[in-house]
């Protein structure tokens, strides 16, 4: 849903949104005027705006994704992760594995150089394979050796660490991360509890 429409529905001004979200008023103005694209915002900016408007991050991106329906659009990594986790929940482990492997989505994302997405999806496939006693698909052995240069943490954890001014929680989360994800330098501790 467009931010201008949400502001109108809630009777909220751009100034008030800026104050409640902690996002600079110029950024809010640029997004509302179309000068800046919401899907290009940093994850924490998107999160803070969504929280202040009492909507999901996905709903803020929904309109842009519909506009770009004929063009492939790269959503934020957090949205991608959420979509993957919801697909696992909706389809079930085995059907998710079958659909993902048959579609060759991992290779497609990798070839587009969308490495975080490709590696996250591969990690999910490997994790679900282990959890269900299914042998690993050898089709992606070359990609299994890839690792992101910098660790990617869940946005909620990054925000919490920033708010508490304590980076130790980020380091601790690596110790309890799911091994298949950590192999690619993606910190993921929970993929089952999605709302």
N, C-alpha and C. Protein backbone atom coordinates (compact mmCIF):
# COMPACT_ATOMS: atom_id res chain seq x y z
N UNK A 1 0.85 -1.17 0.00
CA UNK A 1 0.00 0.00 0.00
C UNK A 1 0.90 1.24 0.00
N UNK A 2 0.51 2.26 -0.73
CA UNK A 2 1.30 3.49 -0.80
C UNK A 2 1.30 4.21 0.54
N UNK A 3 2.42 4.80 0.89
CA UNK A 3 2.54 5.51 2.17
C UNK A 3 1.55 6.67 2.24
N UNK A 4 1.41 7.42 1.14
CA UNK A 4 0.47 8.55 1.14
C UNK A 4 -0.94 8.09 1.49
N UNK A 5 -1.34 6.96 0.95
CA UNK A 5 -2.67 6.42 1.22
C UNK A 5 -2.80 6.00 2.69
N UNK A 6 -1.76 5.36 3.22
CA UNK A 6 -1.77 4.96 4.63
C UNK A 6 -1.83 6.18 5.55
N UNK A 7 -1.06 7.20 5.21
CA UNK A 7 -1.07 8.42 6.02
C UNK A 7 -2.47 9.03 6.04
N UNK A 8 -3.11 9.06 4.89
CA UNK A 8 -4.45 9.61 4.78
C UNK A 8 -5.44 8.80 5.62
N UNK A 9 -5.36 7.47 5.51
CA UNK A 9 -6.26 6.60 6.27
C UNK A 9 -6.10 6.78 7.77
N UNK A 10 -4.88 6.99 8.21
CA UNK A 10 -4.60 7.10 9.64
C UNK A 10 -4.66 8.53 10.15
N UNK A 11 -4.88 9.49 9.22
CA UNK A 11 -4.91 10.89 9.63
C UNK A 11 -3.57 11.34 10.19
N UNK A 12 -2.51 10.82 9.62
CA UNK A 12 -1.16 11.10 10.11
C UNK A 12 -0.42 11.98 9.10
N UNK A 13 0.30 12.94 9.60
CA UNK A 13 1.09 13.81 8.71
C UNK A 13 2.45 13.16 8.45
N UNK A 14 3.13 13.64 7.43
CA UNK A 14 4.48 13.16 7.13
C UNK A 14 5.42 13.52 8.27
N UNK A 15 5.19 14.68 8.86
CA UNK A 15 6.01 15.12 9.98
C UNK A 15 5.85 14.14 11.16
N UNK A 16 4.61 13.78 11.47
CA UNK A 16 4.36 12.86 12.57
C UNK A 16 4.96 11.49 12.28
N UNK A 17 4.85 11.03 11.03
CA UNK A 17 5.47 9.75 10.65
C UNK A 17 6.97 9.80 10.88
N UNK A 18 7.57 10.92 10.51
CA UNK A 18 9.00 11.10 10.72
C UNK A 18 9.35 11.00 12.20
N UNK A 19 8.60 11.68 13.03
CA UNK A 19 8.86 11.69 14.47
C UNK A 19 8.65 10.32 15.09
N UNK A 20 7.55 9.64 14.71
CA UNK A 20 7.23 8.34 15.32
C UNK A 20 8.15 7.23 14.82
N UNK A 21 8.63 7.35 13.59
CA UNK A 21 9.49 6.30 13.04
C UNK A 21 10.97 6.56 13.29
N UNK A 22 11.32 7.83 13.50
CA UNK A 22 12.73 8.17 13.65
C UNK A 22 13.44 8.28 12.32
N UNK A 23 12.68 8.28 11.21
CA UNK A 23 13.24 8.42 9.87
C UNK A 23 13.22 9.91 9.52
N UNK A 24 14.31 10.39 8.95
CA UNK A 24 14.41 11.81 8.62
C UNK A 24 13.22 12.27 7.79
N UNK A 25 12.74 13.48 8.09
CA UNK A 25 11.58 14.02 7.39
C UNK A 25 11.86 14.15 5.89
N UNK A 26 13.08 14.49 5.52
CA UNK A 26 13.41 14.61 4.08
C UNK A 26 13.28 13.26 3.39
N UNK A 27 13.64 12.18 4.10
CA UNK A 27 13.51 10.85 3.52
C UNK A 27 12.04 10.51 3.31
N UNK A 28 11.22 10.81 4.33
CA UNK A 28 9.77 10.57 4.22
C UNK A 28 9.19 11.37 3.06
N UNK A 29 9.58 12.62 2.95
CA UNK A 29 9.08 13.49 1.87
C UNK A 29 9.50 12.93 0.50
N UNK A 30 10.75 12.50 0.39
CA UNK A 30 11.24 11.94 -0.88
C UNK A 30 10.49 10.68 -1.27
N UNK A 31 10.20 9.82 -0.29
CA UNK A 31 9.46 8.58 -0.58
C UNK A 31 8.04 8.92 -1.01
N UNK A 32 7.39 9.82 -0.28
CA UNK A 32 5.99 10.18 -0.58
C UNK A 32 5.86 10.89 -1.93
N UNK A 33 6.87 11.64 -2.33
CA UNK A 33 6.80 12.36 -3.61
C UNK A 33 7.24 11.50 -4.79
N UNK A 34 7.83 10.34 -4.49
CA UNK A 34 8.32 9.48 -5.56
C UNK A 34 9.77 9.75 -5.94
N UNK A 35 10.37 10.72 -5.30
CA UNK A 35 11.77 11.04 -5.58
C UNK A 35 12.68 9.89 -5.15
N UNK A 36 12.31 9.22 -4.06
CA UNK A 36 13.03 8.04 -3.59
C UNK A 36 12.07 6.85 -3.64
N UNK A 37 12.60 5.70 -3.99
CA UNK A 37 11.77 4.50 -4.09
C UNK A 37 11.84 3.72 -2.78
N UNK A 38 10.69 3.36 -2.25
CA UNK A 38 10.61 2.66 -0.96
C UNK A 38 11.39 1.35 -1.00
N UNK A 39 11.38 0.66 -2.12
CA UNK A 39 12.08 -0.63 -2.19
C UNK A 39 13.60 -0.48 -2.19
N UNK A 40 14.08 0.73 -2.36
CA UNK A 40 15.52 0.99 -2.31
C UNK A 40 15.98 1.41 -0.92
N UNK A 41 15.04 1.59 -0.01
CA UNK A 41 15.38 2.01 1.36
C UNK A 41 16.10 0.88 2.10
N UNK A 42 16.91 1.27 3.06
CA UNK A 42 17.57 0.30 3.92
C UNK A 42 16.51 -0.46 4.70
N UNK A 43 16.82 -1.69 5.07
CA UNK A 43 15.87 -2.53 5.80
C UNK A 43 15.38 -1.91 7.09
N UNK A 44 16.28 -1.25 7.83
CA UNK A 44 15.84 -0.66 9.09
C UNK A 44 14.93 0.54 8.86
N UNK A 45 15.13 1.28 7.77
CA UNK A 45 14.24 2.41 7.44
C UNK A 45 12.85 1.88 7.11
N UNK A 46 12.80 0.85 6.29
CA UNK A 46 11.54 0.22 5.93
C UNK A 46 10.83 -0.32 7.17
N UNK A 47 11.60 -0.96 8.04
CA UNK A 47 11.04 -1.52 9.27
C UNK A 47 10.44 -0.42 10.15
N UNK A 48 11.17 0.66 10.34
CA UNK A 48 10.70 1.74 11.22
C UNK A 48 9.45 2.41 10.66
N UNK A 49 9.40 2.61 9.35
CA UNK A 49 8.21 3.21 8.74
C UNK A 49 7.01 2.26 8.90
N UNK A 50 7.23 0.98 8.61
CA UNK A 50 6.15 -0.01 8.74
C UNK A 50 5.63 -0.07 10.17
N UNK A 51 6.55 -0.07 11.11
CA UNK A 51 6.15 -0.14 12.53
C UNK A 51 5.34 1.09 12.92
N UNK A 52 5.78 2.26 12.52
CA UNK A 52 5.05 3.49 12.85
C UNK A 52 3.66 3.51 12.21
N UNK A 53 3.54 2.92 11.03
CA UNK A 53 2.25 2.89 10.33
C UNK A 53 1.40 1.68 10.72
N UNK A 54 2.00 0.79 11.54
CA UNK A 54 1.32 -0.43 12.00
C UNK A 54 0.91 -1.33 10.84
N UNK A 55 1.86 -1.52 9.90
CA UNK A 55 1.66 -2.43 8.77
C UNK A 55 2.91 -3.29 8.63
N UNK A 56 2.83 -4.31 7.80
CA UNK A 56 4.01 -5.15 7.56
C UNK A 56 4.93 -4.48 6.55
N UNK A 57 6.18 -4.86 6.59
CA UNK A 57 7.14 -4.34 5.62
C UNK A 57 6.72 -4.76 4.20
N UNK A 58 6.21 -5.97 4.09
CA UNK A 58 5.79 -6.48 2.78
C UNK A 58 4.69 -5.63 2.17
N UNK A 59 3.75 -5.18 3.02
CA UNK A 59 2.63 -4.39 2.49
C UNK A 59 3.11 -3.05 1.93
N UNK A 60 4.20 -2.51 2.49
CA UNK A 60 4.74 -1.26 1.96
C UNK A 60 5.36 -1.47 0.58
N UNK A 61 5.84 -2.66 0.33
CA UNK A 61 6.48 -2.97 -0.95
C UNK A 61 5.51 -3.53 -1.98
N UNK A 62 4.35 -3.93 -1.54
CA UNK A 62 3.38 -4.62 -2.37
C UNK A 62 3.03 -3.86 -3.66
N UNK A 63 2.73 -2.59 -3.55
CA UNK A 63 2.34 -1.80 -4.73
C UNK A 63 3.46 -1.74 -5.76
N UNK A 64 4.67 -1.52 -5.29
CA UNK A 64 5.81 -1.45 -6.21
C UNK A 64 6.03 -2.77 -6.92
N UNK A 65 5.80 -3.85 -6.21
CA UNK A 65 5.98 -5.16 -6.81
C UNK A 65 4.92 -5.41 -7.88
N UNK A 66 3.72 -4.92 -7.64
CA UNK A 66 2.66 -5.06 -8.64
C UNK A 66 2.97 -4.22 -9.88
N UNK A 67 3.49 -3.02 -9.65
CA UNK A 67 3.84 -2.13 -10.78
C UNK A 67 4.90 -2.75 -11.67
N UNK A 68 5.81 -3.47 -11.07
CA UNK A 68 6.91 -4.07 -11.80
C UNK A 68 6.64 -5.53 -12.16
N UNK A 69 5.37 -5.88 -12.25
CA UNK A 69 4.97 -7.27 -12.46
C UNK A 69 5.65 -7.89 -13.67
N UNK A 70 5.80 -7.14 -14.74
CA UNK A 70 6.39 -7.70 -15.95
C UNK A 70 7.91 -7.65 -15.92
N UNK A 71 8.44 -6.85 -15.06
CA UNK A 71 9.89 -6.79 -14.88
C UNK A 71 10.22 -7.53 -13.60
N UNK A 72 11.31 -8.26 -13.59
CA UNK A 72 11.69 -8.92 -12.36
C UNK A 72 12.21 -7.87 -11.39
N UNK A 73 11.73 -7.96 -10.19
CA UNK A 73 12.05 -6.97 -9.17
C UNK A 73 12.76 -7.67 -8.02
N UNK A 74 13.81 -7.08 -7.55
CA UNK A 74 14.54 -7.65 -6.43
C UNK A 74 14.07 -6.99 -5.15
N UNK A 75 13.33 -7.74 -4.38
CA UNK A 75 12.84 -7.24 -3.09
C UNK A 75 14.00 -7.27 -2.09
N UNK A 76 13.78 -6.69 -0.96
CA UNK A 76 14.81 -6.72 0.07
C UNK A 76 15.06 -8.17 0.49
N UNK A 77 16.22 -8.41 1.02
CA UNK A 77 16.58 -9.76 1.45
C UNK A 77 15.64 -10.24 2.56
N UNK A 78 15.23 -9.35 3.44
CA UNK A 78 14.29 -9.72 4.51
C UNK A 78 12.95 -10.19 3.93
N UNK A 79 12.48 -9.52 2.92
CA UNK A 79 11.22 -9.93 2.27
C UNK A 79 11.41 -11.29 1.60
N UNK A 80 12.55 -11.46 0.93
CA UNK A 80 12.85 -12.74 0.28
C UNK A 80 12.83 -13.87 1.31
N UNK A 81 13.54 -13.68 2.42
CA UNK A 81 13.60 -14.70 3.46
C UNK A 81 12.20 -15.03 3.99
N UNK A 82 11.41 -14.01 4.23
CA UNK A 82 10.06 -14.19 4.73
C UNK A 82 9.23 -15.01 3.73
N UNK A 83 9.36 -14.69 2.46
CA UNK A 83 8.61 -15.42 1.43
C UNK A 83 9.02 -16.89 1.39
N UNK A 84 10.31 -17.16 1.51
CA UNK A 84 10.79 -18.55 1.50
C UNK A 84 10.23 -19.30 2.71
N UNK A 85 10.32 -18.70 3.88
CA UNK A 85 9.82 -19.36 5.10
C UNK A 85 8.32 -19.61 5.02
N UNK A 86 7.58 -18.66 4.46
CA UNK A 86 6.13 -18.86 4.30
C UNK A 86 5.84 -19.96 3.28
N UNK A 87 6.64 -20.05 2.23
CA UNK A 87 6.45 -21.11 1.24
C UNK A 87 6.68 -22.48 1.88
N UNK A 88 7.68 -22.59 2.74
CA UNK A 88 7.94 -23.85 3.43
C UNK A 88 6.74 -24.20 4.32
N UNK A 89 6.25 -23.23 5.04
CA UNK A 89 5.11 -23.46 5.93
C UNK A 89 3.87 -23.86 5.14
N UNK A 90 3.61 -23.16 4.04
CA UNK A 90 2.39 -23.41 3.26
C UNK A 90 2.44 -24.73 2.49
N UNK A 91 3.59 -25.05 1.90
CA UNK A 91 3.71 -26.25 1.06
C UNK A 91 4.06 -27.50 1.85
N UNK A 92 4.78 -27.31 2.95
CA UNK A 92 5.34 -28.46 3.66
C UNK A 92 6.75 -28.71 3.13
N UNK A 93 7.56 -29.36 3.95
CA UNK A 93 8.97 -29.53 3.63
C UNK A 93 9.21 -30.23 2.29
N UNK A 94 8.59 -31.37 2.11
CA UNK A 94 8.88 -32.19 0.92
C UNK A 94 8.40 -31.51 -0.36
N UNK A 95 7.19 -30.97 -0.35
CA UNK A 95 6.70 -30.28 -1.55
C UNK A 95 7.54 -29.04 -1.86
N UNK A 96 7.99 -28.35 -0.81
CA UNK A 96 8.87 -27.20 -1.03
C UNK A 96 10.17 -27.66 -1.69
N UNK A 97 10.75 -28.74 -1.18
CA UNK A 97 11.99 -29.26 -1.78
C UNK A 97 11.78 -29.62 -3.24
N UNK A 98 10.72 -30.34 -3.52
CA UNK A 98 10.45 -30.76 -4.89
C UNK A 98 10.27 -29.55 -5.81
N UNK A 99 9.43 -28.61 -5.41
CA UNK A 99 9.17 -27.42 -6.23
C UNK A 99 10.45 -26.61 -6.46
N UNK A 100 11.23 -26.43 -5.42
CA UNK A 100 12.46 -25.63 -5.54
C UNK A 100 13.47 -26.30 -6.45
N UNK A 101 13.64 -27.59 -6.29
CA UNK A 101 14.62 -28.30 -7.12
C UNK A 101 14.15 -28.41 -8.57
N UNK A 102 12.87 -28.64 -8.78
CA UNK A 102 12.36 -28.72 -10.16
C UNK A 102 12.43 -27.38 -10.88
N UNK A 103 12.22 -26.30 -10.16
CA UNK A 103 12.23 -24.97 -10.79
C UNK A 103 13.65 -24.48 -11.08
N UNK A 104 14.63 -25.07 -10.42
CA UNK A 104 16.04 -24.66 -10.56
C UNK A 104 16.23 -23.19 -10.18
N UNK A 105 15.42 -22.73 -9.23
CA UNK A 105 15.46 -21.33 -8.78
C UNK A 105 16.81 -20.96 -8.18
N UNK A 106 17.44 -21.91 -7.52
CA UNK A 106 18.75 -21.63 -6.92
C UNK A 106 19.74 -21.23 -8.00
N UNK A 107 19.82 -21.99 -9.06
CA UNK A 107 20.76 -21.70 -10.15
C UNK A 107 20.39 -20.40 -10.85
N UNK A 108 19.09 -20.17 -11.04
CA UNK A 108 18.64 -18.95 -11.70
C UNK A 108 19.08 -17.72 -10.90
N UNK A 109 18.86 -17.75 -9.59
CA UNK A 109 19.27 -16.63 -8.75
C UNK A 109 20.79 -16.47 -8.74
N UNK A 110 21.48 -17.57 -8.69
CA UNK A 110 22.95 -17.53 -8.67
C UNK A 110 23.49 -16.93 -9.97
N UNK A 111 22.92 -17.34 -11.09
CA UNK A 111 23.36 -16.83 -12.39
C UNK A 111 23.07 -15.34 -12.55
N UNK A 112 22.04 -14.84 -11.86
CA UNK A 112 21.73 -13.40 -11.89
C UNK A 112 22.63 -12.63 -10.93
N UNK A 113 23.48 -13.35 -10.23
CA UNK A 113 24.39 -12.78 -9.22
C UNK A 113 23.63 -12.25 -8.00
N UNK A 114 22.49 -12.83 -7.74
CA UNK A 114 21.74 -12.53 -6.53
C UNK A 114 22.20 -13.55 -5.48
N UNK A 115 23.43 -13.41 -5.05
CA UNK A 115 24.08 -14.42 -4.21
C UNK A 115 23.41 -14.63 -2.86
N UNK A 116 23.05 -13.58 -2.12
CA UNK A 116 22.39 -13.86 -0.82
C UNK A 116 21.12 -14.71 -0.98
N UNK A 117 20.32 -14.39 -1.98
CA UNK A 117 19.08 -15.12 -2.20
C UNK A 117 19.35 -16.57 -2.61
N UNK A 118 20.29 -16.76 -3.54
CA UNK A 118 20.64 -18.10 -4.01
C UNK A 118 21.16 -18.96 -2.86
N UNK A 119 22.05 -18.37 -2.05
CA UNK A 119 22.64 -19.13 -0.96
C UNK A 119 21.64 -19.39 0.16
N UNK A 120 20.73 -18.45 0.40
CA UNK A 120 19.69 -18.67 1.41
C UNK A 120 18.79 -19.82 0.98
N UNK A 121 18.38 -19.82 -0.28
CA UNK A 121 17.50 -20.86 -0.78
C UNK A 121 18.20 -22.22 -0.76
N UNK A 122 19.48 -22.25 -1.13
CA UNK A 122 20.24 -23.50 -1.08
C UNK A 122 20.36 -23.98 0.37
N UNK A 123 20.64 -23.07 1.28
CA UNK A 123 20.74 -23.43 2.70
C UNK A 123 19.41 -24.01 3.20
N UNK A 124 18.30 -23.42 2.77
CA UNK A 124 16.99 -23.93 3.18
C UNK A 124 16.77 -25.34 2.64
N UNK A 125 17.14 -25.55 1.38
CA UNK A 125 17.00 -26.89 0.78
C UNK A 125 17.87 -27.89 1.55
N UNK A 126 19.10 -27.53 1.85
CA UNK A 126 19.99 -28.44 2.57
C UNK A 126 19.49 -28.71 3.99
N UNK A 127 19.02 -27.66 4.64
CA UNK A 127 18.48 -27.81 6.00
C UNK A 127 17.26 -28.74 6.01
N UNK A 128 16.32 -28.50 5.09
CA UNK A 128 15.12 -29.33 5.04
C UNK A 128 15.46 -30.77 4.64
N UNK A 129 16.46 -30.93 3.80
CA UNK A 129 16.90 -32.28 3.42
C UNK A 129 17.41 -33.02 4.65
N UNK A 130 18.24 -32.36 5.45
CA UNK A 130 18.77 -32.98 6.67
C UNK A 130 17.64 -33.30 7.64
N UNK A 131 16.75 -32.34 7.84
CA UNK A 131 15.65 -32.52 8.78
C UNK A 131 14.72 -33.68 8.40
N UNK A 132 14.62 -33.94 7.10
CA UNK A 132 13.69 -34.98 6.62
C UNK A 132 14.39 -36.24 6.14
N UNK A 133 15.70 -36.32 6.37
CA UNK A 133 16.44 -37.51 5.97
C UNK A 133 16.51 -37.72 4.48
N UNK A 134 16.48 -36.63 3.72
CA UNK A 134 16.54 -36.70 2.26
C UNK A 134 17.99 -36.44 1.82
N UNK A 135 18.53 -37.27 0.92
CA UNK A 135 19.91 -37.03 0.46
C UNK A 135 20.03 -35.65 -0.21
N UNK A 136 21.21 -35.03 -0.07
CA UNK A 136 21.44 -33.73 -0.69
C UNK A 136 21.43 -33.85 -2.21
N UNK A 137 20.87 -32.86 -2.85
CA UNK A 137 20.88 -32.77 -4.30
C UNK A 137 22.29 -32.34 -4.72
N UNK A 138 22.95 -33.13 -5.54
CA UNK A 138 24.34 -32.83 -5.94
C UNK A 138 24.42 -31.79 -7.05
N UNK A 139 23.28 -31.38 -7.55
CA UNK A 139 23.23 -30.41 -8.65
C UNK A 139 23.87 -29.06 -8.27
N UNK A 140 23.92 -28.78 -6.97
CA UNK A 140 24.42 -27.47 -6.51
C UNK A 140 25.72 -27.58 -5.72
N UNK A 141 26.47 -28.64 -5.92
CA UNK A 141 27.72 -28.83 -5.17
C UNK A 141 28.69 -27.67 -5.38
N UNK A 142 28.72 -27.11 -6.58
CA UNK A 142 29.62 -25.98 -6.84
C UNK A 142 29.23 -24.75 -6.03
N UNK A 143 27.93 -24.55 -5.84
CA UNK A 143 27.46 -23.38 -5.11
C UNK A 143 27.62 -23.58 -3.60
N UNK A 144 27.58 -24.82 -3.15
CA UNK A 144 27.72 -25.10 -1.71
C UNK A 144 29.05 -24.59 -1.16
N UNK A 145 30.04 -24.45 -2.00
CA UNK A 145 31.35 -23.97 -1.56
C UNK A 145 31.42 -22.45 -1.46
N UNK A 146 30.37 -21.76 -1.85
CA UNK A 146 30.37 -20.29 -1.85
C UNK A 146 29.96 -19.76 -0.47
N UNK A 147 30.56 -18.64 -0.13
CA UNK A 147 30.28 -18.01 1.16
C UNK A 147 30.27 -16.50 0.95
N UNK A 148 29.29 -15.83 1.53
CA UNK A 148 29.23 -14.38 1.44
C UNK A 148 30.40 -13.76 2.20
N UNK A 149 30.91 -12.66 1.69
CA UNK A 149 32.06 -12.00 2.30
C UNK A 149 31.74 -11.53 3.72
N UNK A 150 30.58 -10.92 3.88
CA UNK A 150 30.15 -10.41 5.19
C UNK A 150 28.93 -11.17 5.66
N UNK A 151 28.87 -11.41 6.95
CA UNK A 151 27.72 -12.11 7.53
C UNK A 151 26.45 -11.29 7.37
N UNK A 152 25.37 -11.99 7.10
CA UNK A 152 24.05 -11.35 7.04
C UNK A 152 23.26 -11.85 8.24
N UNK A 153 22.78 -10.88 9.03
CA UNK A 153 22.00 -11.18 10.23
C UNK A 153 20.54 -10.82 9.99
N UNK A 154 19.63 -11.44 10.74
CA UNK A 154 18.22 -11.01 10.64
C UNK A 154 18.09 -9.53 11.02
N UNK A 155 17.26 -8.81 10.30
CA UNK A 155 17.10 -7.37 10.53
C UNK A 155 16.69 -7.08 11.96
N UNK A 156 15.83 -7.92 12.53
CA UNK A 156 15.39 -7.69 13.91
C UNK A 156 16.55 -7.76 14.88
N UNK A 157 17.49 -8.65 14.64
CA UNK A 157 18.66 -8.78 15.50
C UNK A 157 19.60 -7.58 15.35
N UNK A 158 19.76 -7.12 14.11
CA UNK A 158 20.60 -5.95 13.85
C UNK A 158 20.01 -4.72 14.54
N UNK A 159 18.69 -4.56 14.43
CA UNK A 159 18.03 -3.42 15.07
C UNK A 159 18.14 -3.49 16.59
N UNK A 160 17.97 -4.68 17.13
CA UNK A 160 18.08 -4.85 18.58
C UNK A 160 19.49 -4.53 19.06
N UNK A 161 20.50 -5.02 18.34
CA UNK A 161 21.90 -4.75 18.70
C UNK A 161 22.20 -3.25 18.61
N UNK A 162 21.65 -2.60 17.59
CA UNK A 162 21.88 -1.16 17.43
C UNK A 162 21.19 -0.38 18.55
N UNK A 163 19.97 -0.78 18.88
CA UNK A 163 19.22 -0.08 19.92
C UNK A 163 19.89 -0.24 21.29
N UNK A 164 20.43 -1.42 21.54
CA UNK A 164 21.08 -1.68 22.82
C UNK A 164 22.56 -1.29 22.79
N UNK A 165 23.02 -0.87 21.63
CA UNK A 165 24.43 -0.50 21.46
C UNK A 165 25.36 -1.61 21.96
N UNK A 166 24.97 -2.85 21.55
CA UNK A 166 25.72 -4.02 21.99
C UNK A 166 25.81 -5.00 20.83
N UNK A 167 26.97 -5.12 20.26
CA UNK A 167 27.18 -6.01 19.12
C UNK A 167 27.39 -7.47 19.55
N UNK A 168 27.49 -7.70 20.85
CA UNK A 168 27.75 -9.04 21.35
C UNK A 168 26.62 -10.01 20.98
N UNK A 169 25.38 -9.52 20.92
CA UNK A 169 24.26 -10.39 20.56
C UNK A 169 24.41 -10.92 19.14
N UNK A 170 25.03 -10.13 18.26
CA UNK A 170 25.27 -10.60 16.90
C UNK A 170 26.25 -11.76 16.91
N UNK A 171 27.32 -11.62 17.68
CA UNK A 171 28.32 -12.68 17.77
C UNK A 171 27.72 -13.94 18.40
N UNK A 172 26.90 -13.77 19.43
CA UNK A 172 26.27 -14.90 20.10
C UNK A 172 25.33 -15.65 19.15
N UNK A 173 24.63 -14.90 18.30
CA UNK A 173 23.67 -15.54 17.39
C UNK A 173 24.35 -16.48 16.41
N UNK A 174 25.61 -16.23 16.10
CA UNK A 174 26.34 -17.11 15.20
C UNK A 174 26.55 -18.49 15.81
N UNK A 175 26.68 -18.56 17.13
CA UNK A 175 26.92 -19.83 17.80
C UNK A 175 25.71 -20.75 17.75
N UNK A 176 24.51 -20.17 17.66
CA UNK A 176 23.30 -20.98 17.66
C UNK A 176 22.63 -21.03 16.28
N UNK A 177 23.30 -20.49 15.28
CA UNK A 177 22.72 -20.46 13.93
C UNK A 177 22.64 -21.86 13.33
N UNK A 178 21.71 -22.03 12.43
CA UNK A 178 21.55 -23.29 11.71
C UNK A 178 22.78 -23.49 10.82
N UNK A 179 23.46 -24.64 10.94
CA UNK A 179 24.73 -24.85 10.23
C UNK A 179 24.65 -24.67 8.71
N UNK A 180 23.57 -25.12 8.11
CA UNK A 180 23.45 -25.01 6.65
C UNK A 180 23.46 -23.55 6.19
N UNK A 181 22.96 -22.66 7.01
CA UNK A 181 22.96 -21.23 6.68
C UNK A 181 24.32 -20.61 7.00
N UNK A 182 24.88 -20.98 8.14
CA UNK A 182 26.19 -20.43 8.52
C UNK A 182 27.27 -20.81 7.51
N UNK A 183 27.11 -21.95 6.86
CA UNK A 183 28.07 -22.36 5.82
C UNK A 183 28.26 -21.24 4.79
N UNK A 184 27.19 -20.47 4.56
CA UNK A 184 27.22 -19.40 3.56
C UNK A 184 27.35 -18.02 4.19
N UNK A 185 27.59 -17.98 5.50
CA UNK A 185 27.75 -16.73 6.25
C UNK A 185 26.41 -16.00 6.41
N UNK A 186 25.34 -16.79 6.51
CA UNK A 186 24.01 -16.25 6.76
C UNK A 186 23.59 -16.72 8.15
N UNK A 187 23.33 -15.79 9.03
CA UNK A 187 22.93 -16.13 10.39
C UNK A 187 21.42 -16.29 10.41
N UNK A 188 20.98 -17.52 10.64
CA UNK A 188 19.55 -17.84 10.68
C UNK A 188 19.35 -18.83 11.81
N UNK A 189 18.50 -18.47 12.77
CA UNK A 189 18.25 -19.33 13.91
C UNK A 189 16.88 -19.97 13.90
N UNK A 190 15.96 -19.40 13.15
CA UNK A 190 14.58 -19.90 13.19
C UNK A 190 13.92 -19.70 11.82
N UNK A 191 13.50 -20.79 11.22
CA UNK A 191 12.81 -20.69 9.93
C UNK A 191 11.39 -21.26 10.00
N UNK A 192 11.02 -21.77 11.16
CA UNK A 192 9.72 -22.42 11.29
C UNK A 192 8.63 -21.52 11.84
N UNK A 193 8.94 -20.63 12.74
CA UNK A 193 7.93 -19.81 13.40
C UNK A 193 7.66 -18.52 12.62
N UNK A 194 6.91 -18.65 11.54
CA UNK A 194 6.55 -17.48 10.75
C UNK A 194 5.07 -17.22 10.94
N UNK A 195 4.73 -15.94 10.92
CA UNK A 195 3.33 -15.54 11.13
C UNK A 195 2.73 -15.13 9.81
